[in-house]
Amino acid sequence: MKKYLREIEMAGVILASTGIVNSLIWGSIYGGWICGIGILLMLIVFLYKAFHWNEYARDNKQYIWIILLTIALLFIQMLRAR
């Protein structure tokens, strides 16, 4: 798992970013689903690193802010799509 963390992380970031851009441009709820999948992938990496906190302390602090910001943007987009 450790050697695939970077790839999973990048896939999550790309999907979350794509979902946000998709929702902004087309106002589509599908962007919310794409963003949600990206957040889920980032959450998997975060949870792995959280169980190994001493080794990944700096990364974990950054992840907390990134995940919170992405979740906030996702909810704003979902509320706006109504």
C-alpha atoms as a PDB file:
ATOM      1  CA  MET A   1       0.000   0.000   0.000  1.00  0.00           C
ATOM      2  CA  LYS A   2       2.809   2.372   0.915  1.00  0.00           C
ATOM      3  CA  LYS A   3       4.272   2.435  -2.592  1.00  0.00           C
ATOM      4  CA  TYR A   4       0.896   3.329  -4.152  1.00  0.00           C
ATOM      5  CA  LEU A   5       0.025   6.215  -1.829  1.00  0.00           C
ATOM      6  CA  ARG A   6       1.261   8.892  -4.218  1.00  0.00           C
ATOM      7  CA  GLU A   7      -0.710   7.497  -7.168  1.00  0.00           C
ATOM      8  CA  ILE A   8      -3.919   7.208  -5.137  1.00  0.00           C
ATOM      9  CA  GLU A   9      -3.373  10.719  -3.805  1.00  0.00           C
ATOM     10  CA  MET A  10      -2.879  12.215  -7.259  1.00  0.00           C
ATOM     11  CA  ALA A  11      -5.917  10.391  -8.648  1.00  0.00           C
ATOM     12  CA  GLY A  12      -8.000  11.826  -5.800  1.00  0.00           C
ATOM     13  CA  VAL A  13      -6.729  15.353  -6.344  1.00  0.00           C
ATOM     14  CA  ILE A  14      -7.326  15.168 -10.094  1.00  0.00           C
ATOM     15  CA  LEU A  15     -10.841  13.785  -9.661  1.00  0.00           C
ATOM     16  CA  ALA A  16     -11.748  16.345  -6.993  1.00  0.00           C
ATOM     17  CA  SER A  17     -10.418  19.190  -9.132  1.00  0.00           C
ATOM     18  CA  THR A  18     -12.186  17.885 -12.232  1.00  0.00           C
ATOM     19  CA  GLY A  19     -15.444  17.593 -10.308  1.00  0.00           C
ATOM     20  CA  ILE A  20     -15.202  21.150  -9.007  1.00  0.00           C
ATOM     21  CA  VAL A  21     -14.414  22.565 -12.443  1.00  0.00           C
ATOM     22  CA  ASN A  22     -17.206  20.474 -13.989  1.00  0.00           C
ATOM     23  CA  SER A  23     -19.718  21.837 -11.495  1.00  0.00           C
ATOM     24  CA  LEU A  24     -18.558  25.406 -11.984  1.00  0.00           C
ATOM     25  CA  ILE A  25     -18.661  25.331 -15.773  1.00  0.00           C
ATOM     26  CA  TRP A  26     -21.700  23.192 -16.518  1.00  0.00           C
ATOM     27  CA  GLY A  27     -23.502  23.400 -13.177  1.00  0.00           C
ATOM     28  CA  SER A  28     -23.821  19.644 -13.247  1.00  0.00           C
ATOM     29  CA  ILE A  29     -24.498  17.447 -10.238  1.00  0.00           C
ATOM     30  CA  TYR A  30     -22.242  14.863 -11.897  1.00  0.00           C
ATOM     31  CA  GLY A  31     -19.341  17.078 -10.908  1.00  0.00           C
ATOM     32  CA  GLY A  32     -20.358  16.495  -7.310  1.00  0.00           C
ATOM     33  CA  TRP A  33     -20.108  12.735  -7.766  1.00  0.00           C
ATOM     34  CA  ILE A  34     -16.688  13.012  -9.401  1.00  0.00           C
ATOM     35  CA  CYS A  35     -15.524  15.315  -6.620  1.00  0.00           C
ATOM     36  CA  GLY A  36     -16.917  12.926  -4.011  1.00  0.00           C
ATOM     37  CA  ILE A  37     -14.956  10.007  -5.471  1.00  0.00           C
ATOM     38  CA  GLY A  38     -11.804  12.141  -5.422  1.00  0.00           C
ATOM     39  CA  ILE A  39     -12.417  13.051  -1.785  1.00  0.00           C
ATOM     40  CA  LEU A  40     -12.933   9.373  -0.967  1.00  0.00           C
ATOM     41  CA  LEU A  41      -9.570   8.474  -2.523  1.00  0.00           C
ATOM     42  CA  MET A  42      -7.866  11.296  -0.634  1.00  0.00           C
ATOM     43  CA  LEU A  43      -9.568  10.123   2.547  1.00  0.00           C
ATOM     44  CA  ILE A  44      -8.194   6.595   2.067  1.00  0.00           C
ATOM     45  CA  VAL A  45      -4.656   7.974   1.813  1.00  0.00           C
ATOM     46  CA  PHE A  46      -5.257  10.267   4.794  1.00  0.00           C
ATOM     47  CA  LEU A  47      -6.514   7.394   6.943  1.00  0.00           C
ATOM     48  CA  TYR A  48      -3.494   5.269   6.079  1.00  0.00           C
ATOM     49  CA  LYS A  49      -1.183   8.117   6.973  1.00  0.00           C
ATOM     50  CA  ALA A  50      -3.156   8.876  10.141  1.00  0.00           C
ATOM     51  CA  PHE A  51      -2.461   5.381  11.433  1.00  0.00           C
ATOM     52  CA  HIS A  52       1.231   6.072  10.780  1.00  0.00           C
ATOM     53  CA  TRP A  53       1.117   9.621  12.200  1.00  0.00           C
ATOM     54  CA  ASN A  54       4.766   9.889  13.299  1.00  0.00           C
ATOM     55  CA  GLU A  55       6.004   9.103   9.814  1.00  0.00           C
ATOM     56  CA  TYR A  56       3.533  11.414   7.999  1.00  0.00           C
ATOM     57  CA  ALA A  57       2.804  14.216  10.533  1.00  0.00           C
ATOM     58  CA  ARG A  58       3.473  17.085   8.127  1.00  0.00           C
ATOM     59  CA  ASP A  59       1.428  15.532   5.317  1.00  0.00           C
ATOM     60  CA  ASN A  60      -1.480  14.852   7.666  1.00  0.00           C
ATOM     61  CA  LYS A  61      -1.769  18.494   8.714  1.00  0.00           C
ATOM     62  CA  GLN A  62      -1.901  19.547   5.053  1.00  0.00           C
ATOM     63  CA  TYR A  63      -4.468  16.857   4.266  1.00  0.00           C
ATOM     64  CA  ILE A  64      -6.792  18.038   7.000  1.00  0.00           C
ATOM     65  CA  TRP A  65      -6.981  21.496   5.414  1.00  0.00           C
ATOM     66  CA  ILE A  66      -7.236  20.205   1.858  1.00  0.00           C
ATOM     67  CA  ILE A  67     -10.034  17.765   2.682  1.00  0.00           C
ATOM     68  CA  LEU A  68     -11.983  20.366   4.661  1.00  0.00           C
ATOM     69  CA  LEU A  69     -11.685  22.907   1.845  1.00  0.00           C
ATOM     70  CA  THR A  70     -12.722  20.385  -0.786  1.00  0.00           C
ATOM     71  CA  ILE A  71     -15.722  19.211   1.245  1.00  0.00           C
ATOM     72  CA  ALA A  72     -16.809  22.828   1.761  1.00  0.00           C
ATOM     73  CA  LEU A  73     -16.564  23.511  -1.988  1.00  0.00           C
ATOM     74  CA  LEU A  74     -18.493  20.325  -2.744  1.00  0.00           C
ATOM     75  CA  PHE A  75     -21.361  21.313  -0.432  1.00  0.00           C
ATOM     76  CA  ILE A  76     -21.453  24.840  -1.846  1.00  0.00           C
ATOM     77  CA  GLN A  77     -21.704  23.426  -5.355  1.00  0.00           C
ATOM     78  CA  MET A  78     -24.424  20.990  -4.352  1.00  0.00           C
ATOM     79  CA  LEU A  79     -26.452  23.745  -2.718  1.00  0.00           C
ATOM     80  CA  ARG A  80     -25.979  25.978  -5.747  1.00  0.00           C
ATOM     81  CA  ALA A  81     -27.079  23.190  -8.122  1.00  0.00           C
ATOM     82  CA  ARG A  82     -30.536  23.002  -6.544  1.00  0.00           C
END
